[in-house]
Amino acid sequence: MTNTLGIIIENNRPVVSSRKVAEIFEKEHRRVLQDIRELSCGDDFRLHNFVQSSYINSQDKEQPEYLMTRDGFTLLAMGFTGSKAMQWKIKYIE
């Protein structure tokens, strides 16, 4: 599961990008961004687990993304539905 999540090290912490989450769960990236923004978690949790970042798209334009810690990813993914989400939740539990 770890390799398929595209985990990277940023500021000495393992994180995964919102773009990779969108790819894995077969969601539009803009929907994943929206889901992150709409999470009802406290500001302290959000600041430590969802770091705003950006990337350059194929048209050389800067676009927003979030880098998530394990806890941030888990909180987000537990709210997803569908077959991909269920597969991930079962792997996580196992």
PDB file of N, CA and C in Angstrom:
ATOM      1  N   MET A   1       0.832  -1.193   0.000  1.00  0.00           N
ATOM      2  CA  MET A   1       0.000   0.000   0.000  1.00  0.00           C
ATOM      3  C   MET A   1       0.874   1.254   0.000  1.00  0.00           C
ATOM      4  N   THR A   2       1.983   1.250   0.704  1.00  0.00           N
ATOM      5  CA  THR A   2       2.821   2.437   0.806  1.00  0.00           C
ATOM      6  C   THR A   2       3.328   2.884  -0.562  1.00  0.00           C
ATOM      7  N   ASN A   3       3.839   1.969  -1.367  1.00  0.00           N
ATOM      8  CA  ASN A   3       4.391   2.350  -2.657  1.00  0.00           C
ATOM      9  C   ASN A   3       3.337   2.937  -3.577  1.00  0.00           C
ATOM     10  N   THR A   4       2.141   2.435  -3.545  1.00  0.00           N
ATOM     11  CA  THR A   4       1.102   2.928  -4.434  1.00  0.00           C
ATOM     12  C   THR A   4       0.600   4.304  -4.028  1.00  0.00           C
ATOM     13  N   LEU A   5       0.883   4.744  -2.814  1.00  0.00           N
ATOM     14  CA  LEU A   5       0.424   6.050  -2.355  1.00  0.00           C
ATOM     15  C   LEU A   5       1.347   7.185  -2.784  1.00  0.00           C
ATOM     16  N   GLY A   6       2.499   6.885  -3.308  1.00  0.00           N
ATOM     17  CA  GLY A   6       3.401   7.935  -3.747  1.00  0.00           C
ATOM     18  C   GLY A   6       3.915   8.790  -2.612  1.00  0.00           C
ATOM     19  N   ILE A   7       4.263   8.167  -1.516  1.00  0.00           N
ATOM     20  CA  ILE A   7       4.742   8.900  -0.346  1.00  0.00           C
ATOM     21  C   ILE A   7       6.094   9.538  -0.664  1.00  0.00           C
ATOM     22  N   ILE A   8       6.221  10.812  -0.291  1.00  0.00           N
ATOM     23  CA  ILE A   8       7.466  11.546  -0.458  1.00  0.00           C
ATOM     24  C   ILE A   8       7.885  12.103   0.902  1.00  0.00           C
ATOM     25  N   ILE A   9       9.134  12.518   1.016  1.00  0.00           N
ATOM     26  CA  ILE A   9       9.625  13.127   2.249  1.00  0.00           C
ATOM     27  C   ILE A   9       9.713  14.638   2.024  1.00  0.00           C
ATOM     28  N   GLU A  10       9.012  15.377   2.837  1.00  0.00           N
ATOM     29  CA  GLU A  10       8.996  16.842   2.767  1.00  0.00           C
ATOM     30  C   GLU A  10       9.249  17.364   4.171  1.00  0.00           C
ATOM     31  N   ASN A  11      10.289  18.178   4.345  1.00  0.00           N
ATOM     32  CA  ASN A  11      10.661  18.697   5.669  1.00  0.00           C
ATOM     33  C   ASN A  11      10.809  17.569   6.686  1.00  0.00           C
ATOM     34  N   ASN A  12      11.472  16.493   6.267  1.00  0.00           N
ATOM     35  CA  ASN A  12      11.753  15.332   7.115  1.00  0.00           C
ATOM     36  C   ASN A  12      10.495  14.591   7.579  1.00  0.00           C
ATOM     37  N   ARG A  13       9.370  14.761   6.861  1.00  0.00           N
ATOM     38  CA  ARG A  13       8.138  14.045   7.201  1.00  0.00           C
ATOM     39  C   ARG A  13       7.604  13.349   5.961  1.00  0.00           C
ATOM     40  N   PRO A  14       7.113  12.118   6.114  1.00  0.00           N
ATOM     41  CA  PRO A  14       6.476  11.470   4.968  1.00  0.00           C
ATOM     42  C   PRO A  14       5.115  12.111   4.706  1.00  0.00           C
ATOM     43  N   VAL A  15       4.868  12.460   3.454  1.00  0.00           N
ATOM     44  CA  VAL A  15       3.594  13.067   3.062  1.00  0.00           C
ATOM     45  C   VAL A  15       3.160  12.494   1.716  1.00  0.00           C
ATOM     46  N   VAL A  16       1.887  12.692   1.412  1.00  0.00           N
ATOM     47  CA  VAL A  16       1.350  12.311   0.113  1.00  0.00           C
ATOM     48  C   VAL A  16       0.601  13.518  -0.434  1.00  0.00           C
ATOM     49  N   SER A  17       0.685  13.709  -1.740  1.00  0.00           N
ATOM     50  CA  SER A  17       0.044  14.877  -2.341  1.00  0.00           C
ATOM     51  C   SER A  17      -1.432  14.603  -2.632  1.00  0.00           C
ATOM     52  N   SER A  18      -2.194  15.668  -2.625  1.00  0.00           N
ATOM     53  CA  SER A  18      -3.617  15.555  -2.958  1.00  0.00           C
ATOM     54  C   SER A  18      -3.793  15.066  -4.394  1.00  0.00           C
ATOM     55  N   ARG A  19      -2.848  15.370  -5.263  1.00  0.00           N
ATOM     56  CA  ARG A  19      -2.937  14.873  -6.653  1.00  0.00           C
ATOM     57  C   ARG A  19      -2.820  13.359  -6.699  1.00  0.00           C
ATOM     58  N   LYS A  20      -1.919  12.807  -5.908  1.00  0.00           N
ATOM     59  CA  LYS A  20      -1.748  11.353  -5.879  1.00  0.00           C
ATOM     60  C   LYS A  20      -2.988  10.686  -5.296  1.00  0.00           C
ATOM     61  N   VAL A  21      -3.566  11.296  -4.264  1.00  0.00           N
ATOM     62  CA  VAL A  21      -4.799  10.765  -3.669  1.00  0.00           C
ATOM     63  C   VAL A  21      -5.912  10.752  -4.719  1.00  0.00           C
ATOM     64  N   ALA A  22      -6.025  11.828  -5.490  1.00  0.00           N
ATOM     65  CA  ALA A  22      -7.039  11.897  -6.544  1.00  0.00           C
ATOM     66  C   ALA A  22      -6.827  10.768  -7.553  1.00  0.00           C
ATOM     67  N   GLU A  23      -5.594  10.543  -7.919  1.00  0.00           N
ATOM     68  CA  GLU A  23      -5.279   9.486  -8.880  1.00  0.00           C
ATOM     69  C   GLU A  23      -5.644   8.104  -8.327  1.00  0.00           C
ATOM     70  N   ILE A  24      -5.237   7.831  -7.109  1.00  0.00           N
ATOM     71  CA  ILE A  24      -5.460   6.515  -6.508  1.00  0.00           C
ATOM     72  C   ILE A  24      -6.944   6.218  -6.339  1.00  0.00           C
ATOM     73  N   PHE A  25      -7.692   7.209  -5.892  1.00  0.00           N
ATOM     74  CA  PHE A  25      -9.115   7.006  -5.632  1.00  0.00           C
ATOM     75  C   PHE A  25      -9.997   7.340  -6.839  1.00  0.00           C
ATOM     76  N   GLU A  26      -9.337   7.630  -7.966  1.00  0.00           N
ATOM     77  CA  GLU A  26     -10.040   7.924  -9.219  1.00  0.00           C
ATOM     78  C   GLU A  26     -11.059   9.047  -9.040  1.00  0.00           C
ATOM     79  N   LYS A  27     -10.576  10.150  -8.463  1.00  0.00           N
ATOM     80  CA  LYS A  27     -11.390  11.343  -8.251  1.00  0.00           C
ATOM     81  C   LYS A  27     -10.742  12.507  -8.998  1.00  0.00           C
ATOM     82  N   GLU A  28     -11.519  13.510  -9.306  1.00  0.00           N
ATOM     83  CA  GLU A  28     -10.956  14.718  -9.867  1.00  0.00           C
ATOM     84  C   GLU A  28     -10.186  15.441  -8.762  1.00  0.00           C
ATOM     85  N   HIS A  29      -9.021  15.981  -9.114  1.00  0.00           N
ATOM     86  CA  HIS A  29      -8.202  16.647  -8.105  1.00  0.00           C
ATOM     87  C   HIS A  29      -8.955  17.813  -7.465  1.00  0.00           C
ATOM     88  N   ARG A  30      -9.716  18.533  -8.242  1.00  0.00           N
ATOM     89  CA  ARG A  30     -10.454  19.671  -7.675  1.00  0.00           C
ATOM     90  C   ARG A  30     -11.449  19.216  -6.613  1.00  0.00           C
ATOM     91  N   ARG A  31     -11.988  17.997  -6.758  1.00  0.00           N
ATOM     92  CA  ARG A  31     -12.906  17.453  -5.750  1.00  0.00           C
ATOM     93  C   ARG A  31     -12.163  17.084  -4.475  1.00  0.00           C
ATOM     94  N   VAL A  32     -10.956  16.545  -4.618  1.00  0.00           N
ATOM     95  CA  VAL A  32     -10.149  16.213  -3.438  1.00  0.00           C
ATOM     96  C   VAL A  32      -9.780  17.501  -2.689  1.00  0.00           C
ATOM     97  N   LEU A  33      -9.405  18.537  -3.434  1.00  0.00           N
ATOM     98  CA  LEU A  33      -9.112  19.828  -2.802  1.00  0.00           C
ATOM     99  C   LEU A  33     -10.330  20.334  -2.040  1.00  0.00           C
ATOM    100  N   GLN A  34     -11.484  20.222  -2.655  1.00  0.00           N
ATOM    101  CA  GLN A  34     -12.728  20.664  -2.013  1.00  0.00           C
ATOM    102  C   GLN A  34     -12.993  19.849  -0.755  1.00  0.00           C
ATOM    103  N   ASP A  35     -12.811  18.537  -0.835  1.00  0.00           N
ATOM    104  CA  ASP A  35     -13.022  17.669   0.337  1.00  0.00           C
ATOM    105  C   ASP A  35     -12.102  18.077   1.486  1.00  0.00           C
ATOM    106  N   ILE A  36     -10.860  18.403   1.168  1.00  0.00           N
ATOM    107  CA  ILE A  36      -9.915  18.817   2.207  1.00  0.00           C
ATOM    108  C   ILE A  36     -10.371  20.125   2.838  1.00  0.00           C
ATOM    109  N   ARG A  37     -10.756  21.073   2.011  1.00  0.00           N
ATOM    110  CA  ARG A  37     -11.191  22.377   2.536  1.00  0.00           C
ATOM    111  C   ARG A  37     -12.441  22.264   3.402  1.00  0.00           C
ATOM    112  N   GLU A  38     -13.287  21.271   3.111  1.00  0.00           N
ATOM    113  CA  GLU A  38     -14.551  21.122   3.831  1.00  0.00           C
ATOM    114  C   GLU A  38     -14.459  20.221   5.056  1.00  0.00           C
ATOM    115  N   LEU A  39     -13.283  19.669   5.344  1.00  0.00           N
ATOM    116  CA  LEU A  39     -13.145  18.830   6.532  1.00  0.00           C
ATOM    117  C   LEU A  39     -13.451  19.641   7.790  1.00  0.00           C
ATOM    118  N   SER A  40     -14.183  19.046   8.679  1.00  0.00           N
ATOM    119  CA  SER A  40     -14.555  19.727   9.932  1.00  0.00           C
ATOM    120  C   SER A  40     -13.565  19.403  11.039  1.00  0.00           C
ATOM    121  N   CYS A  41     -12.303  19.633  10.762  1.00  0.00           N
ATOM    122  CA  CYS A  41     -11.284  19.403  11.790  1.00  0.00           C
ATOM    123  C   CYS A  41     -10.825  20.758  12.315  1.00  0.00           C
ATOM    124  N   GLY A  42     -10.218  20.758  13.461  1.00  0.00           N
ATOM    125  CA  GLY A  42      -9.748  21.992  14.066  1.00  0.00           C
ATOM    126  C   GLY A  42      -8.583  22.601  13.300  1.00  0.00           C
ATOM    127  N   ASP A  43      -8.377  23.887  13.498  1.00  0.00           N
ATOM    128  CA  ASP A  43      -7.306  24.599  12.808  1.00  0.00           C
ATOM    129  C   ASP A  43      -5.931  24.014  13.128  1.00  0.00           C
ATOM    130  N   ASP A  44      -5.710  23.613  14.375  1.00  0.00           N
ATOM    131  CA  ASP A  44      -4.429  23.051  14.759  1.00  0.00           C
ATOM    132  C   ASP A  44      -4.145  21.769  13.987  1.00  0.00           C
ATOM    133  N   PHE A  45      -5.135  20.880  13.908  1.00  0.00           N
ATOM    134  CA  PHE A  45      -4.975  19.634  13.157  1.00  0.00           C
ATOM    135  C   PHE A  45      -4.724  19.947  11.684  1.00  0.00           C
ATOM    136  N   ARG A  46      -5.504  20.856  11.125  1.00  0.00           N
ATOM    137  CA  ARG A  46      -5.373  21.213   9.712  1.00  0.00           C
ATOM    138  C   ARG A  46      -3.971  21.756   9.409  1.00  0.00           C
ATOM    139  N   LEU A  47      -3.483  22.653  10.233  1.00  0.00           N
ATOM    140  CA  LEU A  47      -2.170  23.255   9.991  1.00  0.00           C
ATOM    141  C   LEU A  47      -1.042  22.238  10.037  1.00  0.00           C
ATOM    142  N   HIS A  48      -1.171  21.227  10.889  1.00  0.00           N
ATOM    143  CA  HIS A  48      -0.110  20.229  11.030  1.00  0.00           C
ATOM    144  C   HIS A  48      -0.221  19.065  10.055  1.00  0.00           C
ATOM    145  N   ASN A  49      -1.372  18.883   9.433  1.00  0.00           N
ATOM    146  CA  ASN A  49      -1.577  17.690   8.614  1.00  0.00           C
ATOM    147  C   ASN A  49      -1.954  17.942   7.161  1.00  0.00           C
ATOM    148  N   PHE A  50      -2.252  19.193   6.810  1.00  0.00           N
ATOM    149  CA  PHE A  50      -2.591  19.560   5.429  1.00  0.00           C
ATOM    150  C   PHE A  50      -1.817  20.820   5.074  1.00  0.00           C
ATOM    151  N   VAL A  51      -0.687  20.653   4.417  1.00  0.00           N
ATOM    152  CA  VAL A  51       0.168  21.784   4.077  1.00  0.00           C
ATOM    153  C   VAL A  51      -0.151  22.230   2.654  1.00  0.00           C
ATOM    154  N   GLN A  52      -0.536  23.498   2.507  1.00  0.00           N
ATOM    155  CA  GLN A  52      -0.798  24.025   1.176  1.00  0.00           C
ATOM    156  C   GLN A  52       0.505  24.092   0.406  1.00  0.00           C
ATOM    157  N   SER A  53       0.437  23.664  -0.837  1.00  0.00           N
ATOM    158  CA  SER A  53       1.599  23.651  -1.708  1.00  0.00           C
ATOM    159  C   SER A  53       1.121  23.947  -3.126  1.00  0.00           C
ATOM    160  N   SER A  54       2.003  23.774  -4.090  1.00  0.00           N
ATOM    161  CA  SER A  54       1.615  23.973  -5.486  1.00  0.00           C
ATOM    162  C   SER A  54       2.508  23.121  -6.376  1.00  0.00           C
ATOM    163  N   TYR A  55       2.096  22.997  -7.615  1.00  0.00           N
ATOM    164  CA  TYR A  55       2.863  22.270  -8.621  1.00  0.00           C
ATOM    165  C   TYR A  55       2.668  22.981  -9.953  1.00  0.00           C
ATOM    166  N   ILE A  56       3.493  22.668 -10.912  1.00  0.00           N
ATOM    167  CA  ILE A  56       3.385  23.241 -12.248  1.00  0.00           C
ATOM    168  C   ILE A  56       2.730  22.204 -13.147  1.00  0.00           C
ATOM    169  N   ASN A  57       1.608  22.574 -13.763  1.00  0.00           N
ATOM    170  CA  ASN A  57       0.879  21.624 -14.617  1.00  0.00           C
ATOM    171  C   ASN A  57       1.498  21.549 -16.009  1.00  0.00           C
ATOM    172  N   SER A  58       0.901  20.771 -16.877  1.00  0.00           N
ATOM    173  CA  SER A  58       1.449  20.553 -18.214  1.00  0.00           C
ATOM    174  C   SER A  58       1.415  21.807 -19.087  1.00  0.00           C
ATOM    175  N   GLN A  59       0.626  22.816 -18.695  1.00  0.00           N
ATOM    176  CA  GLN A  59       0.593  24.093 -19.417  1.00  0.00           C
ATOM    177  C   GLN A  59       1.507  25.135 -18.757  1.00  0.00           C
ATOM    178  N   ASP A  60       2.422  24.673 -17.890  1.00  0.00           N
ATOM    179  CA  ASP A  60       3.361  25.535 -17.162  1.00  0.00           C
ATOM    180  C   ASP A  60       2.667  26.552 -16.269  1.00  0.00           C
ATOM    181  N   LYS A  61       1.512  26.185 -15.712  1.00  0.00           N
ATOM    182  CA  LYS A  61       0.792  27.056 -14.788  1.00  0.00           C
ATOM    183  C   LYS A  61       0.875  26.473 -13.385  1.00  0.00           C
ATOM    184  N   GLU A  62       1.043  27.360 -12.409  1.00  0.00           N
ATOM    185  CA  GLU A  62       1.083  26.930 -11.020  1.00  0.00           C
ATOM    186  C   GLU A  62      -0.334  26.597 -10.550  1.00  0.00           C
ATOM    187  N   GLN A  63      -0.469  25.435  -9.933  1.00  0.00           N
ATOM    188  CA  GLN A  63      -1.763  24.956  -9.459  1.00  0.00           C
ATOM    189  C   GLN A  63      -1.657  24.563  -7.990  1.00  0.00           C
ATOM    190  N   PRO A  64      -2.751  24.688  -7.232  1.00  0.00           N
ATOM    191  CA  PRO A  64      -2.704  24.325  -5.812  1.00  0.00           C
ATOM    192  C   PRO A  64      -2.738  22.815  -5.590  1.00  0.00           C
ATOM    193  N   GLU A  65      -2.153  22.399  -4.502  1.00  0.00           N
ATOM    194  CA  GLU A  65      -2.265  21.030  -4.023  1.00  0.00           C
ATOM    195  C   GLU A  65      -2.003  21.066  -2.518  1.00  0.00           C
ATOM    196  N   TYR A  66      -2.324  19.989  -1.855  1.00  0.00           N
ATOM    197  CA  TYR A  66      -2.012  19.845  -0.436  1.00  0.00           C
ATOM    198  C   TYR A  66      -1.058  18.681  -0.277  1.00  0.00           C
ATOM    199  N   LEU A  67      -0.157  18.800   0.673  1.00  0.00           N
ATOM    200  CA  LEU A  67       0.675  17.688   1.098  1.00  0.00           C
ATOM    201  C   LEU A  67       0.147  17.260   2.452  1.00  0.00           C
ATOM    202  N   MET A  68      -0.206  15.978   2.555  1.00  0.00           N
ATOM    203  CA  MET A  68      -0.864  15.456   3.755  1.00  0.00           C
ATOM    204  C   MET A  68       0.025  14.491   4.506  1.00  0.00           C
ATOM    205  N   THR A  69      -0.033  14.595   5.816  1.00  0.00           N
ATOM    206  CA  THR A  69       0.619  13.599   6.668  1.00  0.00           C
ATOM    207  C   THR A  69      -0.233  12.331   6.664  1.00  0.00           C
ATOM    208  N   ARG A  70       0.278  11.304   7.301  1.00  0.00           N
ATOM    209  CA  ARG A  70      -0.487  10.061   7.428  1.00  0.00           C
ATOM    210  C   ARG A  70      -1.832  10.312   8.096  1.00  0.00           C
ATOM    211  N   ASP A  71      -1.830  11.100   9.163  1.00  0.00           N
ATOM    212  CA  ASP A  71      -3.079  11.375   9.877  1.00  0.00           C
ATOM    213  C   ASP A  71      -4.049  12.175   9.011  1.00  0.00           C
ATOM    214  N   GLY A  72      -3.537  13.141   8.280  1.00  0.00           N
ATOM    215  CA  GLY A  72      -4.389  13.921   7.392  1.00  0.00           C
ATOM    216  C   GLY A  72      -4.984  13.063   6.291  1.00  0.00           C
ATOM    217  N   PHE A  73      -4.127  12.226   5.692  1.00  0.00           N
ATOM    218  CA  PHE A  73      -4.604  11.317   4.652  1.00  0.00           C
ATOM    219  C   PHE A  73      -5.673  10.376   5.195  1.00  0.00           C
ATOM    220  N   THR A  74      -5.430   9.823   6.371  1.00  0.00           N
ATOM    221  CA  THR A  74      -6.381   8.884   6.961  1.00  0.00           C
ATOM    222  C   THR A  74      -7.717   9.554   7.219  1.00  0.00           C
ATOM    223  N   LEU A  75      -7.701  10.749   7.781  1.00  0.00           N
ATOM    224  CA  LEU A  75      -8.944  11.472   8.037  1.00  0.00           C
ATOM    225  C   LEU A  75      -9.706  11.717   6.739  1.00  0.00           C
ATOM    226  N   LEU A  76      -9.013  12.146   5.712  1.00  0.00           N
ATOM    227  CA  LEU A  76      -9.643  12.419   4.426  1.00  0.00           C
ATOM    228  C   LEU A  76     -10.198  11.145   3.793  1.00  0.00           C
ATOM    229  N   ALA A  77      -9.367  10.117   3.698  1.00  0.00           N
ATOM    230  CA  ALA A  77      -9.746   8.893   2.990  1.00  0.00           C
ATOM    231  C   ALA A  77     -10.864   8.135   3.690  1.00  0.00           C
ATOM    232  N   MET A  78     -10.947   8.220   5.006  1.00  0.00           N
ATOM    233  CA  MET A  78     -12.022   7.528   5.716  1.00  0.00           C
ATOM    234  C   MET A  78     -13.394   8.092   5.343  1.00  0.00           C
ATOM    235  N   GLY A  79     -13.435   9.299   4.818  1.00  0.00           N
ATOM    236  CA  GLY A  79     -14.698   9.893   4.395  1.00  0.00           C
ATOM    237  C   GLY A  79     -15.068   9.568   2.962  1.00  0.00           C
ATOM    238  N   PHE A  80     -14.139   8.974   2.205  1.00  0.00           N
ATOM    239  CA  PHE A  80     -14.427   8.631   0.817  1.00  0.00           C
ATOM    240  C   PHE A  80     -15.333   7.414   0.735  1.00  0.00           C
ATOM    241  N   THR A  81     -16.116   7.344  -0.331  1.00  0.00           N
ATOM    242  CA  THR A  81     -16.966   6.189  -0.594  1.00  0.00           C
ATOM    243  C   THR A  81     -16.607   5.607  -1.956  1.00  0.00           C
ATOM    244  N   GLY A  82     -17.145   4.468  -2.237  1.00  0.00           N
ATOM    245  CA  GLY A  82     -16.873   3.808  -3.513  1.00  0.00           C
ATOM    246  C   GLY A  82     -15.951   2.621  -3.335  1.00  0.00           C
ATOM    247  N   SER A  83     -15.761   1.882  -4.409  1.00  0.00           N
ATOM    248  CA  SER A  83     -15.004   0.626  -4.326  1.00  0.00           C
ATOM    249  C   SER A  83     -13.528   0.860  -4.015  1.00  0.00           C
ATOM    250  N   LYS A  84     -12.903   1.876  -4.601  1.00  0.00           N
ATOM    251  CA  LYS A  84     -11.491   2.154  -4.317  1.00  0.00           C
ATOM    252  C   LYS A  84     -11.307   2.520  -2.841  1.00  0.00           C
ATOM    253  N   ALA A  85     -12.215   3.313  -2.323  1.00  0.00           N
ATOM    254  CA  ALA A  85     -12.134   3.712  -0.918  1.00  0.00           C
ATOM    255  C   ALA A  85     -12.313   2.503  -0.009  1.00  0.00           C
ATOM    256  N   MET A  86     -13.250   1.647  -0.340  1.00  0.00           N
ATOM    257  CA  MET A  86     -13.479   0.457   0.483  1.00  0.00           C
ATOM    258  C   MET A  86     -12.262  -0.450   0.464  1.00  0.00           C
ATOM    259  N   GLN A  87     -11.632  -0.619  -0.688  1.00  0.00           N
ATOM    260  CA  GLN A  87     -10.430  -1.446  -0.776  1.00  0.00           C
ATOM    261  C   GLN A  87      -9.331  -0.879   0.131  1.00  0.00           C
ATOM    262  N   TRP A  88      -9.153   0.444   0.099  1.00  0.00           N
ATOM    263  CA  TRP A  88      -8.128   1.059   0.933  1.00  0.00           C
ATOM    264  C   TRP A  88      -8.458   0.881   2.406  1.00  0.00           C
ATOM    265  N   LYS A  89      -9.714   1.080   2.795  1.00  0.00           N
ATOM    266  CA  LYS A  89     -10.095   0.955   4.198  1.00  0.00           C
ATOM    267  C   LYS A  89      -9.852  -0.451   4.712  1.00  0.00           C
ATOM    268  N   ILE A  90     -10.148  -1.444   3.906  1.00  0.00           N
ATOM    269  CA  ILE A  90      -9.919  -2.835   4.310  1.00  0.00           C
ATOM    270  C   ILE A  90      -8.425  -3.095   4.467  1.00  0.00           C
ATOM    271  N   LYS A  91      -7.602  -2.611   3.529  1.00  0.00           N
ATOM    272  CA  LYS A  91      -6.144  -2.776   3.646  1.00  0.00           C
ATOM    273  C   LYS A  91      -5.632  -2.092   4.912  1.00  0.00           C
ATOM    274  N   TYR A  92      -6.171  -0.924   5.193  1.00  0.00           N
ATOM    275  CA  TYR A  92      -5.742  -0.173   6.379  1.00  0.00           C
ATOM    276  C   TYR A  92      -6.060  -0.954   7.652  1.00  0.00           C
ATOM    277  N   ILE A  93      -7.241  -1.525   7.723  1.00  0.00           N
ATOM    278  CA  ILE A  93      -7.639  -2.296   8.888  1.00  0.00           C
ATOM    279  C   ILE A  93      -6.795  -3.555   9.040  1.00  0.00           C
ATOM    280  N   GLU A  94      -6.537  -4.220   7.916  1.00  0.00           N
ATOM    281  CA  GLU A  94      -5.731  -5.449   7.952  1.00  0.00           C
ATOM    282  C   GLU A  94      -4.316  -5.149   8.369  1.00  0.00           C
TER     283      GLU A  94
END
